[in-house]
Amino acid sequence: HPATWRYRTGKFLIRHARAAGAGAAVLVVIAALTTSYAMRLARERAATLEQAARTERLQQFIIGLFSGQEPDAGPSRDLTVRQLLERGALTADRLAGEPDVRDELTQTIGTIFGELGNEARADALLTQSLERKRQRLPARDPRLIEAVLALGFLRVDQTKFAEAEALAHEAVAATAAMPREGPLAVRASLLEGKVLT
């Protein structure tokens, strides 16, 4: 009988079945880990590119807002901060095709209105942003948690403590699986502490 490579391989596998099985199992595990790692890298790359595109769009929006390039705006030197923010809110509403950008802008402008003391306008914008995010994002998404926190801190400023407490509990529950030193978990604890105080 000629000693072909098939014959020799077959004999080797029969004689060393356990070692060959263990080797095959190791190869399968290495292939699975490599595939999993490559898929995770691809997802992270896609998320990074999406974040970069969103950041660029926000930058273009802000530059356009201050340069007077928006169609409904007058000369930028004649605008007050509140007019500029109102113009930004109107422009953000037109970004229906970019819901992430629209909702982040709405939330940011609402937060600024709150800092300027216009709590009614801040309330409307932050509530709108939170409702939109709740419709499209999972409960533990950092973007949704940010919206919950923003409205929660406004509710504390408005002395609407029952609503602020509900939002604080929601934020604490959503950040429970995150590291305690993480910024979202720290802010959720801060909101809860402010409500309790």
C-alpha atoms as a PDB file:
ATOM      1  CA  HIS A   1       0.000   0.000   0.000  1.00  0.00           C
ATOM      2  CA  PRO A   2       1.555   3.336  -0.971  1.00  0.00           C
ATOM      3  CA  ALA A   3       2.155   5.752   1.934  1.00  0.00           C
ATOM      4  CA  THR A   4       0.275   8.767   0.511  1.00  0.00           C
ATOM      5  CA  TRP A   5      -0.326  11.952   2.524  1.00  0.00           C
ATOM      6  CA  ARG A   6      -3.997  10.995   2.938  1.00  0.00           C
ATOM      7  CA  TYR A   7      -3.066   7.621   4.348  1.00  0.00           C
ATOM      8  CA  ARG A   8      -0.467   9.110   6.712  1.00  0.00           C
ATOM      9  CA  THR A   9      -2.859  11.878   7.850  1.00  0.00           C
ATOM     10  CA  GLY A  10      -5.635   9.351   8.490  1.00  0.00           C
ATOM     11  CA  LYS A  11      -3.337   7.099  10.510  1.00  0.00           C
ATOM     12  CA  PHE A  12      -2.014  10.077  12.492  1.00  0.00           C
ATOM     13  CA  LEU A  13      -5.541  11.271  13.330  1.00  0.00           C
ATOM     14  CA  ILE A  14      -6.597   7.787  14.402  1.00  0.00           C
ATOM     15  CA  ARG A  15      -3.532   7.332  16.615  1.00  0.00           C
ATOM     16  CA  HIS A  16      -3.735  10.848  18.124  1.00  0.00           C
ATOM     17  CA  ALA A  17      -7.491  11.480  18.125  1.00  0.00           C
ATOM     18  CA  ARG A  18      -7.566  13.374  21.435  1.00  0.00           C
ATOM     19  CA  ALA A  19      -4.673  15.678  20.580  1.00  0.00           C
ATOM     20  CA  ALA A  20      -6.071  16.331  17.093  1.00  0.00           C
ATOM     21  CA  GLY A  21      -9.516  17.095  18.558  1.00  0.00           C
ATOM     22  CA  ALA A  22      -8.013  19.469  21.103  1.00  0.00           C
ATOM     23  CA  GLY A  23      -5.985  21.172  18.359  1.00  0.00           C
ATOM     24  CA  ALA A  24      -9.089  21.535  16.190  1.00  0.00           C
ATOM     25  CA  ALA A  25     -11.021  22.961  19.159  1.00  0.00           C
ATOM     26  CA  VAL A  26      -8.254  25.496  19.808  1.00  0.00           C
ATOM     27  CA  LEU A  27      -8.310  26.530  16.137  1.00  0.00           C
ATOM     28  CA  VAL A  28     -12.088  26.966  16.233  1.00  0.00           C
ATOM     29  CA  VAL A  29     -11.844  29.100  19.400  1.00  0.00           C
ATOM     30  CA  ILE A  30      -9.088  31.257  17.855  1.00  0.00           C
ATOM     31  CA  ALA A  31     -11.151  31.723  14.689  1.00  0.00           C
ATOM     32  CA  ALA A  32     -14.248  32.651  16.719  1.00  0.00           C
ATOM     33  CA  LEU A  33     -12.319  35.142  18.859  1.00  0.00           C
ATOM     34  CA  THR A  34     -10.710  36.706  15.798  1.00  0.00           C
ATOM     35  CA  THR A  35     -14.061  37.048  14.060  1.00  0.00           C
ATOM     36  CA  SER A  36     -15.695  38.499  17.186  1.00  0.00           C
ATOM     37  CA  TYR A  37     -12.861  40.999  17.637  1.00  0.00           C
ATOM     38  CA  ALA A  38     -13.031  42.061  13.970  1.00  0.00           C
ATOM     39  CA  MET A  39     -16.805  42.551  14.189  1.00  0.00           C
ATOM     40  CA  ARG A  40     -16.461  44.603  17.394  1.00  0.00           C
ATOM     41  CA  LEU A  41     -13.814  46.783  15.765  1.00  0.00           C
ATOM     42  CA  ALA A  42     -16.080  47.321  12.757  1.00  0.00           C
ATOM     43  CA  ARG A  43     -18.994  48.367  15.021  1.00  0.00           C
ATOM     44  CA  GLU A  44     -16.788  50.735  17.017  1.00  0.00           C
ATOM     45  CA  ARG A  45     -15.393  52.226  13.823  1.00  0.00           C
ATOM     46  CA  ALA A  46     -18.904  52.798  12.474  1.00  0.00           C
ATOM     47  CA  ALA A  47     -19.961  54.422  15.757  1.00  0.00           C
ATOM     48  CA  THR A  48     -16.872  56.659  15.717  1.00  0.00           C
ATOM     49  CA  LEU A  49     -17.524  57.734  12.134  1.00  0.00           C
ATOM     50  CA  GLU A  50     -21.163  58.456  12.985  1.00  0.00           C
ATOM     51  CA  GLN A  51     -20.097  60.552  15.991  1.00  0.00           C
ATOM     52  CA  ALA A  52     -17.566  62.442  13.853  1.00  0.00           C
ATOM     53  CA  ALA A  53     -20.232  63.194  11.224  1.00  0.00           C
ATOM     54  CA  ARG A  54     -22.625  64.374  13.948  1.00  0.00           C
ATOM     55  CA  THR A  55     -19.933  66.593  15.469  1.00  0.00           C
ATOM     56  CA  GLU A  56     -19.114  68.093  12.075  1.00  0.00           C
ATOM     57  CA  ARG A  57     -22.793  68.781  11.425  1.00  0.00           C
ATOM     58  CA  LEU A  58     -23.136  70.479  14.822  1.00  0.00           C
ATOM     59  CA  GLN A  59     -20.066  72.581  14.107  1.00  0.00           C
ATOM     60  CA  GLN A  60     -21.471  73.658  10.732  1.00  0.00           C
ATOM     61  CA  PHE A  61     -24.759  74.507  12.422  1.00  0.00           C
ATOM     62  CA  ILE A  62     -23.120  76.700  15.061  1.00  0.00           C
ATOM     63  CA  ILE A  63     -20.900  78.469  12.521  1.00  0.00           C
ATOM     64  CA  GLY A  64     -23.915  79.110  10.278  1.00  0.00           C
ATOM     65  CA  LEU A  65     -25.915  80.359  13.237  1.00  0.00           C
ATOM     66  CA  PHE A  66     -23.339  82.963  14.222  1.00  0.00           C
ATOM     67  CA  SER A  67     -22.378  83.989  10.705  1.00  0.00           C
ATOM     68  CA  GLY A  68     -25.923  84.897   9.654  1.00  0.00           C
ATOM     69  CA  GLN A  69     -26.043  82.297   6.879  1.00  0.00           C
ATOM     70  CA  GLU A  70     -29.369  80.866   7.970  1.00  0.00           C
ATOM     71  CA  PRO A  71     -32.175  81.924   5.604  1.00  0.00           C
ATOM     72  CA  ASP A  72     -34.513  83.348   8.263  1.00  0.00           C
ATOM     73  CA  ALA A  73     -31.865  85.410  10.027  1.00  0.00           C
ATOM     74  CA  GLY A  74     -30.969  89.038   9.834  1.00  0.00           C
ATOM     75  CA  PRO A  75     -27.437  90.356  10.078  1.00  0.00           C
ATOM     76  CA  SER A  76     -25.606  88.503  12.850  1.00  0.00           C
ATOM     77  CA  ARG A  77     -24.248  91.700  14.489  1.00  0.00           C
ATOM     78  CA  ASP A  78     -27.797  92.865  15.257  1.00  0.00           C
ATOM     79  CA  LEU A  79     -28.917  89.667  17.033  1.00  0.00           C
ATOM     80  CA  THR A  80     -29.224  89.207  20.789  1.00  0.00           C
ATOM     81  CA  VAL A  81     -28.320  85.924  22.462  1.00  0.00           C
ATOM     82  CA  ARG A  82     -31.990  85.004  22.896  1.00  0.00           C
ATOM     83  CA  GLN A  83     -32.749  85.744  19.235  1.00  0.00           C
ATOM     84  CA  LEU A  84     -29.780  83.641  18.248  1.00  0.00           C
ATOM     85  CA  LEU A  85     -31.007  80.765  20.405  1.00  0.00           C
ATOM     86  CA  GLU A  86     -34.553  81.033  19.030  1.00  0.00           C
ATOM     87  CA  ARG A  87     -33.140  80.975  15.517  1.00  0.00           C
ATOM     88  CA  GLY A  88     -31.128  77.907  16.476  1.00  0.00           C
ATOM     89  CA  ALA A  89     -34.219  76.165  17.843  1.00  0.00           C
ATOM     90  CA  LEU A  90     -36.135  76.844  14.607  1.00  0.00           C
ATOM     91  CA  THR A  91     -33.247  75.582  12.510  1.00  0.00           C
ATOM     92  CA  ALA A  92     -32.893  72.460  14.657  1.00  0.00           C
ATOM     93  CA  ASP A  93     -36.559  71.611  14.021  1.00  0.00           C
ATOM     94  CA  ARG A  94     -35.792  71.441  10.297  1.00  0.00           C
ATOM     95  CA  LEU A  95     -33.297  68.614  10.818  1.00  0.00           C
ATOM     96  CA  ALA A  96     -35.873  65.805  10.791  1.00  0.00           C
ATOM     97  CA  GLY A  97     -33.584  63.740   8.558  1.00  0.00           C
ATOM     98  CA  GLU A  98     -30.870  63.891  11.227  1.00  0.00           C
ATOM     99  CA  PRO A  99     -32.702  63.042  14.467  1.00  0.00           C
ATOM    100  CA  ASP A 100     -29.534  62.682  16.575  1.00  0.00           C
ATOM    101  CA  VAL A 101     -28.283  66.133  15.594  1.00  0.00           C
ATOM    102  CA  ARG A 102     -31.751  67.684  15.922  1.00  0.00           C
ATOM    103  CA  ASP A 103     -32.334  66.295  19.411  1.00  0.00           C
ATOM    104  CA  GLU A 104     -28.841  67.159  20.681  1.00  0.00           C
ATOM    105  CA  LEU A 105     -29.228  70.733  19.419  1.00  0.00           C
ATOM    106  CA  THR A 106     -32.689  71.031  20.953  1.00  0.00           C
ATOM    107  CA  GLN A 107     -31.363  69.772  24.281  1.00  0.00           C
ATOM    108  CA  THR A 108     -28.321  72.077  24.205  1.00  0.00           C
ATOM    109  CA  ILE A 109     -30.380  75.141  23.324  1.00  0.00           C
ATOM    110  CA  GLY A 110     -32.914  74.229  26.016  1.00  0.00           C
ATOM    111  CA  THR A 111     -30.132  73.933  28.589  1.00  0.00           C
ATOM    112  CA  ILE A 112     -28.778  77.359  27.595  1.00  0.00           C
ATOM    113  CA  PHE A 113     -32.258  78.884  27.905  1.00  0.00           C
ATOM    114  CA  GLY A 114     -32.403  77.414  31.405  1.00  0.00           C
ATOM    115  CA  GLU A 115     -29.047  78.975  32.280  1.00  0.00           C
ATOM    116  CA  LEU A 116     -30.357  82.341  31.015  1.00  0.00           C
ATOM    117  CA  GLY A 117     -33.381  82.075  33.318  1.00  0.00           C
ATOM    118  CA  ASN A 118     -36.010  81.421  30.633  1.00  0.00           C
ATOM    119  CA  GLU A 119     -37.359  78.282  32.301  1.00  0.00           C
ATOM    120  CA  ALA A 120     -40.537  78.108  30.205  1.00  0.00           C
ATOM    121  CA  ARG A 121     -38.620  77.942  26.919  1.00  0.00           C
ATOM    122  CA  ALA A 122     -36.047  75.575  28.449  1.00  0.00           C
ATOM    123  CA  ASP A 123     -38.869  73.329  29.654  1.00  0.00           C
ATOM    124  CA  ALA A 124     -40.465  73.134  26.214  1.00  0.00           C
ATOM    125  CA  LEU A 125     -37.195  72.330  24.421  1.00  0.00           C
ATOM    126  CA  LEU A 126     -35.857  69.824  26.973  1.00  0.00           C
ATOM    127  CA  THR A 127     -39.199  68.017  27.161  1.00  0.00           C
ATOM    128  CA  GLN A 128     -39.351  67.832  23.365  1.00  0.00           C
ATOM    129  CA  SER A 129     -35.810  66.459  23.160  1.00  0.00           C
ATOM    130  CA  LEU A 130     -36.467  63.849  25.864  1.00  0.00           C
ATOM    131  CA  GLU A 131     -39.728  62.667  24.282  1.00  0.00           C
ATOM    132  CA  ARG A 132     -38.074  62.259  20.883  1.00  0.00           C
ATOM    133  CA  LYS A 133     -35.127  60.378  22.360  1.00  0.00           C
ATOM    134  CA  ARG A 134     -37.428  58.066  24.314  1.00  0.00           C
ATOM    135  CA  GLN A 135     -39.151  57.099  21.066  1.00  0.00           C
ATOM    136  CA  ARG A 136     -35.952  56.009  19.322  1.00  0.00           C
ATOM    137  CA  LEU A 137     -33.321  55.121  21.920  1.00  0.00           C
ATOM    138  CA  PRO A 138     -33.032  52.256  24.442  1.00  0.00           C
ATOM    139  CA  ALA A 139     -33.337  53.110  28.146  1.00  0.00           C
ATOM    140  CA  ARG A 140     -29.601  52.757  28.880  1.00  0.00           C
ATOM    141  CA  ASP A 141     -28.386  54.814  25.931  1.00  0.00           C
ATOM    142  CA  PRO A 142     -26.104  57.627  27.185  1.00  0.00           C
ATOM    143  CA  ARG A 143     -27.844  60.169  24.910  1.00  0.00           C
ATOM    144  CA  LEU A 144     -31.198  59.383  26.534  1.00  0.00           C
ATOM    145  CA  ILE A 145     -29.706  59.500  30.029  1.00  0.00           C
ATOM    146  CA  GLU A 146     -28.253  62.947  29.241  1.00  0.00           C
ATOM    147  CA  ALA A 147     -31.723  64.168  28.241  1.00  0.00           C
ATOM    148  CA  VAL A 148     -33.264  62.758  31.437  1.00  0.00           C
ATOM    149  CA  LEU A 149     -30.595  64.487  33.527  1.00  0.00           C
ATOM    150  CA  ALA A 150     -30.987  67.819  31.724  1.00  0.00           C
ATOM    151  CA  LEU A 151     -34.735  67.888  32.340  1.00  0.00           C
ATOM    152  CA  GLY A 152     -34.273  66.611  35.902  1.00  0.00           C
ATOM    153  CA  PHE A 153     -31.926  69.464  36.826  1.00  0.00           C
ATOM    154  CA  LEU A 154     -34.384  71.951  35.287  1.00  0.00           C
ATOM    155  CA  ARG A 155     -37.206  70.442  37.368  1.00  0.00           C
ATOM    156  CA  VAL A 156     -35.119  71.009  40.508  1.00  0.00           C
ATOM    157  CA  ASP A 157     -34.615  74.652  39.509  1.00  0.00           C
ATOM    158  CA  GLN A 158     -38.375  74.926  38.920  1.00  0.00           C
ATOM    159  CA  THR A 159     -39.001  73.362  42.370  1.00  0.00           C
ATOM    160  CA  LYS A 160     -41.046  70.602  40.735  1.00  0.00           C
ATOM    161  CA  PHE A 161     -39.551  68.018  43.063  1.00  0.00           C
ATOM    162  CA  ALA A 162     -41.933  65.115  42.388  1.00  0.00           C
ATOM    163  CA  GLU A 163     -41.107  65.172  38.665  1.00  0.00           C
ATOM    164  CA  ALA A 164     -37.419  65.742  39.411  1.00  0.00           C
ATOM    165  CA  GLU A 165     -37.405  62.737  41.736  1.00  0.00           C
ATOM    166  CA  ALA A 166     -38.957  60.485  39.087  1.00  0.00           C
ATOM    167  CA  LEU A 167     -36.346  61.619  36.557  1.00  0.00           C
ATOM    168  CA  ALA A 168     -33.546  61.123  39.108  1.00  0.00           C
ATOM    169  CA  HIS A 169     -34.706  57.555  39.810  1.00  0.00           C
ATOM    170  CA  GLU A 170     -34.857  56.879  36.069  1.00  0.00           C
ATOM    171  CA  ALA A 171     -31.306  58.190  35.586  1.00  0.00           C
ATOM    172  CA  VAL A 172     -29.928  56.247  38.570  1.00  0.00           C
ATOM    173  CA  ALA A 173     -31.541  53.026  37.337  1.00  0.00           C
ATOM    174  CA  ALA A 174     -30.229  53.559  33.802  1.00  0.00           C
ATOM    175  CA  THR A 175     -26.674  54.131  35.060  1.00  0.00           C
ATOM    176  CA  ALA A 176     -26.681  51.270  37.600  1.00  0.00           C
ATOM    177  CA  ALA A 177     -24.586  49.017  35.342  1.00  0.00           C
ATOM    178  CA  MET A 178     -22.086  51.796  34.537  1.00  0.00           C
ATOM    179  CA  PRO A 179     -18.928  52.498  36.558  1.00  0.00           C
ATOM    180  CA  ARG A 180     -19.792  54.591  39.631  1.00  0.00           C
ATOM    181  CA  GLU A 181     -17.049  57.091  38.767  1.00  0.00           C
ATOM    182  CA  GLY A 182     -18.382  57.603  35.227  1.00  0.00           C
ATOM    183  CA  PRO A 183     -19.722  61.075  34.402  1.00  0.00           C
ATOM    184  CA  LEU A 184     -23.314  59.948  33.808  1.00  0.00           C
ATOM    185  CA  ALA A 185     -23.471  57.921  37.032  1.00  0.00           C
ATOM    186  CA  VAL A 186     -21.981  60.827  39.004  1.00  0.00           C
ATOM    187  CA  ARG A 187     -24.469  63.307  37.517  1.00  0.00           C
ATOM    188  CA  ALA A 188     -27.374  60.901  38.210  1.00  0.00           C
ATOM    189  CA  SER A 189     -26.279  60.667  41.856  1.00  0.00           C
ATOM    190  CA  LEU A 190     -25.902  64.444  42.008  1.00  0.00           C
ATOM    191  CA  LEU A 191     -29.436  64.925  40.688  1.00  0.00           C
ATOM    192  CA  GLU A 192     -30.807  62.454  43.215  1.00  0.00           C
ATOM    193  CA  GLY A 193     -28.903  64.232  46.010  1.00  0.00           C
ATOM    194  CA  LYS A 194     -30.252  67.634  44.927  1.00  0.00           C
ATOM    195  CA  VAL A 195     -33.808  66.293  44.914  1.00  0.00           C
ATOM    196  CA  LEU A 196     -33.405  64.741  48.368  1.00  0.00           C
ATOM    197  CA  THR A 197     -31.821  67.923  49.727  1.00  0.00           C
END
